[in-house]
Amino acid sequence: MNDAPIQNKELMQVFYSYYKSIDQKNIKPEKYLFRKNKENAITFKLFTFLTQLLKFDAFPQVVSNKTYKKLGNETFYRGVEDVEYLARYLADYDYHFGNGFNQNGIYISDNKDVAALYAKAEKGCVAELKLAPDTRIINNLVLLCQIENALNTQKPEDKNTKALLSIASCDPKFFSYILKDASILAMLFGYDAIKEANAGKVLAVLNRGKVIFSKDELEKITKNSRLYKNGVIDFENKNEEDFLRE
């Protein structure tokens, strides 16, 4: 793995400057789905900005069936209440993550029945997807252990822990916000997704650009969505390697 973002001083300065620019007194926590208080609202804003800073808001890849089948047999599913949610996930810069209980991200499962539990509404649907072969995944328990080790280490040896403790010494409050959301720390440590421990194979995907869909299935699922009918989603005139980049 290349050096993690947390080791990039220039990037971390941009991230920190954004944190300092947040109007913490006037933030409205009611805009956020779970954990409605100001501290978690600030954390969610930091998460959102970091996905953009790291370009984790890249659109999913949509490839031909032939290319899709070559990607291997590990398949995941995403259940949604409304097909418009899936359509926006494909084409909307600002609609690529979920505000979860344990960590933020787009939750997917290798069990189709589990995904179907989230698609019971009248307009619900389950989409099949795969992840890019180079997707970097960390188990959330491993991540928690890394945090605990960092907090209990006087003389850290690895570069990520050194960088994390440097943040703690410079601005303890900023450090506390980073620790509040495992997704933020995972991204700073260089990971694209978090695996839920003891939950089968359930992942919280942080890097939308690592998600790969089959063109034919998506066209079948989204053909009745407003975005598809309005030409925002166009499966015929897009290059597979650069889908919906305008």
Protein backbone atom coordinates (compact mmCIF):
# COMPACT_ATOMS: atom_id res chain seq x y z
CA MET A 1 0.00 0.00 0.00
CA ASN A 2 1.22 3.52 -0.81
CA ASP A 3 1.56 6.07 1.97
CA ALA A 4 -1.81 6.62 3.63
CA PRO A 5 -3.52 10.03 3.34
CA ILE A 6 -2.90 10.70 7.05
CA GLN A 7 0.82 10.84 6.22
CA ASN A 8 0.29 13.51 3.56
CA LYS A 9 0.94 16.79 5.38
CA GLU A 10 -0.46 19.00 2.62
CA LEU A 11 -3.69 17.01 2.38
CA MET A 12 -4.09 16.95 6.16
CA GLN A 13 -3.62 20.71 6.28
CA VAL A 14 -6.48 21.14 3.80
CA PHE A 15 -8.63 18.79 5.88
CA TYR A 16 -7.79 20.66 9.07
CA SER A 17 -8.47 24.06 7.48
CA TYR A 18 -11.92 22.84 6.47
CA TYR A 19 -12.57 21.70 10.06
CA LYS A 20 -11.63 25.16 11.37
CA SER A 21 -13.98 26.79 8.84
CA ILE A 22 -17.09 24.93 10.07
CA ASP A 23 -19.58 27.21 11.82
CA GLN A 24 -19.86 24.94 14.84
CA LYS A 25 -22.18 27.22 16.80
CA ASN A 26 -24.86 27.36 14.13
CA ILE A 27 -24.72 23.86 12.64
CA LYS A 28 -28.15 22.17 12.52
CA PRO A 29 -27.96 18.55 13.69
CA GLU A 30 -31.57 17.84 12.68
CA LYS A 31 -30.37 17.63 9.06
CA TYR A 32 -28.58 14.37 9.87
CA LEU A 33 -30.36 11.04 9.98
CA PHE A 34 -28.83 9.38 13.05
CA ARG A 35 -27.16 10.61 16.25
CA LYS A 36 -28.74 14.05 16.11
CA ASN A 37 -26.40 16.30 18.05
CA LYS A 38 -23.94 18.99 17.03
CA GLU A 39 -20.80 16.93 17.53
CA ASN A 40 -22.00 14.15 15.25
CA ALA A 41 -23.23 16.68 12.70
CA ILE A 42 -19.71 18.14 12.59
CA THR A 43 -18.25 14.65 12.25
CA PHE A 44 -20.57 13.92 9.32
CA LYS A 45 -19.51 17.14 7.60
CA LEU A 46 -15.87 16.10 8.04
CA PHE A 47 -16.65 12.69 6.58
CA THR A 48 -18.39 14.25 3.58
CA PHE A 49 -15.55 16.67 2.89
CA LEU A 50 -12.92 13.95 3.19
CA THR A 51 -14.65 11.75 0.60
CA GLN A 52 -14.47 14.69 -1.79
CA LEU A 53 -10.87 15.55 -0.88
CA LEU A 54 -9.76 11.94 -1.53
CA LYS A 55 -11.96 11.72 -4.67
CA PHE A 56 -13.93 8.90 -3.09
CA ASP A 57 -17.00 10.58 -4.59
CA ALA A 58 -16.01 9.26 -8.04
CA PHE A 59 -18.96 7.70 -9.83
CA PRO A 60 -19.39 3.92 -9.86
CA GLN A 61 -18.08 2.05 -12.88
CA VAL A 62 -20.67 0.62 -15.27
CA VAL A 63 -19.31 -2.07 -17.60
CA SER A 64 -20.59 -4.53 -20.17
CA ASN A 65 -21.82 -7.96 -19.05
CA LYS A 66 -18.74 -9.54 -20.60
CA THR A 67 -16.37 -7.33 -18.61
CA TYR A 68 -18.47 -7.79 -15.47
CA LYS A 69 -18.25 -11.59 -15.63
CA LYS A 70 -14.46 -11.43 -15.89
CA LEU A 71 -14.26 -9.72 -12.52
CA GLY A 72 -14.67 -12.98 -10.58
CA ASN A 73 -17.39 -14.60 -8.55
CA GLU A 74 -17.53 -12.37 -5.46
CA THR A 75 -20.86 -10.61 -5.80
CA PHE A 76 -22.59 -8.11 -3.51
CA TYR A 77 -26.07 -6.64 -3.33
CA ARG A 78 -27.48 -3.25 -2.42
CA GLY A 79 -31.15 -2.98 -1.42
CA VAL A 80 -32.90 0.41 -1.64
CA GLU A 81 -36.43 1.60 -0.87
CA ASP A 82 -36.77 3.60 -4.07
CA VAL A 83 -35.21 3.13 -7.50
CA GLU A 84 -34.59 6.90 -7.57
CA TYR A 85 -32.08 6.43 -4.74
CA LEU A 86 -30.11 3.99 -6.88
CA ALA A 87 -30.37 6.30 -9.90
CA ARG A 88 -29.00 9.21 -7.89
CA TYR A 89 -26.22 7.00 -6.56
CA LEU A 90 -25.15 6.53 -10.18
CA ALA A 91 -25.35 10.12 -11.31
CA ASP A 92 -25.40 12.56 -8.39
CA TYR A 93 -22.14 13.97 -7.01
CA ASP A 94 -23.74 14.67 -3.62
CA TYR A 95 -25.51 11.37 -3.07
CA HIS A 96 -22.96 8.66 -2.58
CA PHE A 97 -22.95 7.66 1.09
CA GLY A 98 -25.23 6.77 3.98
CA ASN A 99 -25.23 7.96 7.59
CA GLY A 100 -24.93 4.63 9.44
CA PHE A 101 -25.05 3.57 13.09
CA ASN A 102 -21.51 2.14 13.30
CA GLN A 103 -19.83 4.06 10.49
CA ASN A 104 -20.82 5.98 7.40
CA GLY A 105 -20.74 4.52 3.90
CA ILE A 106 -22.83 2.61 1.40
CA TYR A 107 -23.82 -0.69 2.97
CA ILE A 108 -23.73 -3.81 0.80
CA SER A 109 -23.98 -7.54 1.54
CA ASP A 110 -22.97 -10.77 -0.17
CA ASN A 111 -26.39 -12.13 0.92
CA LYS A 112 -29.17 -11.10 -1.46
CA ASP A 113 -31.84 -11.87 1.14
CA VAL A 114 -30.23 -9.41 3.55
CA ALA A 115 -30.21 -6.69 0.88
CA ALA A 116 -33.87 -7.47 0.07
CA LEU A 117 -34.84 -6.48 3.63
CA TYR A 118 -34.10 -2.89 2.63
CA ALA A 119 -36.10 -3.07 -0.60
CA LYS A 120 -39.58 -3.97 0.64
CA ALA A 121 -41.19 -0.68 -0.35
CA GLU A 122 -43.33 -0.47 -3.47
CA LYS A 123 -40.51 1.12 -5.50
CA GLY A 124 -37.77 -0.90 -3.82
CA CYS A 125 -35.11 -2.79 -5.75
CA VAL A 126 -31.99 -4.90 -5.18
CA ALA A 127 -28.98 -4.18 -7.37
CA GLU A 128 -26.12 -6.61 -7.93
CA LEU A 129 -22.59 -5.23 -7.92
CA LYS A 130 -18.92 -6.11 -7.57
CA LEU A 131 -15.92 -4.30 -6.16
CA ALA A 132 -12.75 -3.47 -8.04
CA PRO A 133 -9.97 -6.04 -7.46
CA ASP A 134 -7.75 -3.41 -5.82
CA THR A 135 -10.37 -2.36 -3.24
CA ARG A 136 -8.71 -2.00 0.15
CA ILE A 137 -10.90 -3.41 2.94
CA ILE A 138 -10.36 -3.41 6.70
CA ASN A 139 -12.31 -5.26 9.39
CA ASN A 140 -13.86 -2.76 11.80
CA LEU A 141 -12.53 -4.68 14.82
CA VAL A 142 -9.01 -4.48 13.40
CA LEU A 143 -9.52 -0.75 12.92
CA LEU A 144 -10.69 -0.36 16.51
CA CYS A 145 -7.60 -2.25 17.69
CA GLN A 146 -5.41 0.12 15.72
CA ILE A 147 -7.11 3.07 17.44
CA GLU A 148 -6.68 1.48 20.88
CA ASN A 149 -3.03 0.72 20.20
CA ALA A 150 -2.46 4.28 19.06
CA LEU A 151 -3.98 5.67 22.25
CA ASN A 152 -1.88 3.39 24.43
CA THR A 153 1.43 3.72 22.61
CA GLN A 154 4.06 6.06 23.97
CA LYS A 155 6.56 5.57 21.14
CA PRO A 156 4.70 4.47 17.98
CA GLU A 157 6.67 2.69 15.29
CA ASP A 158 4.33 2.78 12.30
CA LYS A 159 3.84 6.00 10.35
CA ASN A 160 0.02 6.04 10.57
CA THR A 161 0.04 5.92 14.36
CA LYS A 162 2.74 8.61 14.52
CA ALA A 163 0.64 10.89 12.30
CA LEU A 164 -2.51 10.21 14.33
CA LEU A 165 -0.79 11.02 17.62
CA SER A 166 0.65 14.16 16.07
CA ILE A 167 -2.91 15.34 15.41
CA ALA A 168 -3.83 14.53 19.01
CA SER A 169 -1.01 16.68 20.37
CA CYS A 170 -1.71 19.61 18.02
CA ASP A 171 -5.51 19.76 18.37
CA PRO A 172 -7.18 17.28 20.76
CA LYS A 173 -10.69 18.37 19.69
CA PHE A 174 -10.02 17.73 16.00
CA PHE A 175 -8.50 14.41 17.02
CA SER A 176 -11.68 13.51 18.92
CA TYR A 177 -13.81 14.15 15.83
CA ILE A 178 -11.62 11.84 13.76
CA LEU A 179 -12.06 9.08 16.34
CA LYS A 180 -15.85 9.53 16.45
CA ASP A 181 -16.33 8.02 12.99
CA ALA A 182 -14.48 4.85 12.01
CA SER A 183 -15.08 5.78 8.36
CA ILE A 184 -12.93 8.90 8.67
CA LEU A 185 -10.07 7.00 10.23
CA ALA A 186 -10.33 4.16 7.70
CA MET A 187 -10.08 6.64 4.81
CA LEU A 188 -7.14 8.43 6.43
CA PHE A 189 -5.40 5.08 6.87
CA GLY A 190 -5.88 4.33 3.15
CA TYR A 191 -8.90 1.99 3.01
CA ASP A 192 -11.84 1.98 0.58
CA ALA A 193 -14.34 -0.05 2.63
CA ILE A 194 -14.99 -1.38 6.12
CA LYS A 195 -16.12 -4.94 6.83
CA GLU A 196 -18.63 -5.35 9.63
CA ALA A 197 -17.32 -7.92 12.10
CA ASN A 198 -19.68 -10.77 13.03
CA ALA A 199 -22.24 -9.76 10.40
CA GLY A 200 -21.56 -12.17 7.54
CA LYS A 201 -20.01 -10.25 4.70
CA VAL A 202 -21.47 -6.79 5.14
CA LEU A 203 -19.36 -3.88 3.95
CA ALA A 204 -19.61 -0.13 4.32
CA VAL A 205 -18.15 1.15 1.04
CA LEU A 206 -16.40 4.51 1.37
CA ASN A 207 -14.91 4.85 -2.12
CA ARG A 208 -17.75 4.93 -4.64
CA GLY A 209 -15.28 4.65 -7.51
CA LYS A 210 -14.52 1.03 -6.50
CA VAL A 211 -18.13 -0.07 -7.11
CA ILE A 212 -18.80 -1.84 -10.42
CA PHE A 213 -22.23 -2.49 -11.93
CA SER A 214 -23.32 -4.47 -14.97
CA LYS A 215 -24.75 -2.19 -17.65
CA ASP A 216 -27.66 -4.45 -18.59
CA GLU A 217 -28.87 -4.95 -15.04
CA LEU A 218 -28.71 -1.27 -14.19
CA GLU A 219 -30.54 -0.33 -17.35
CA LYS A 220 -33.27 -2.81 -16.46
CA ILE A 221 -33.54 -1.51 -12.90
CA THR A 222 -33.35 2.24 -13.56
CA LYS A 223 -35.32 2.50 -16.80
CA ASN A 224 -38.38 3.81 -14.93
CA SER A 225 -36.46 6.40 -12.90
CA ARG A 226 -36.80 10.11 -13.59
CA LEU A 227 -33.05 10.51 -14.16
CA TYR A 228 -33.07 7.77 -16.79
CA LYS A 229 -36.12 9.20 -18.58
CA ASN A 230 -34.59 12.68 -18.54
CA GLY A 231 -31.39 11.43 -20.15
CA VAL A 232 -29.13 12.05 -17.14
CA ILE A 233 -28.35 8.34 -17.08
CA ASP A 234 -27.45 7.22 -20.59
CA PHE A 235 -26.05 3.72 -20.91
CA GLU A 236 -25.65 3.83 -24.67
CA ASN A 237 -23.40 6.84 -25.11
CA LYS A 238 -20.95 6.51 -22.25
CA ASN A 239 -17.45 5.15 -22.28
CA GLU A 240 -17.18 2.21 -19.89
CA GLU A 241 -14.04 3.57 -18.26
CA ASP A 242 -15.43 7.07 -17.79
CA PHE A 243 -19.11 6.67 -17.00
CA LEU A 244 -21.10 9.82 -16.23
CA ARG A 245 -18.12 12.07 -15.72
CA GLU A 246 -19.50 15.25 -17.20
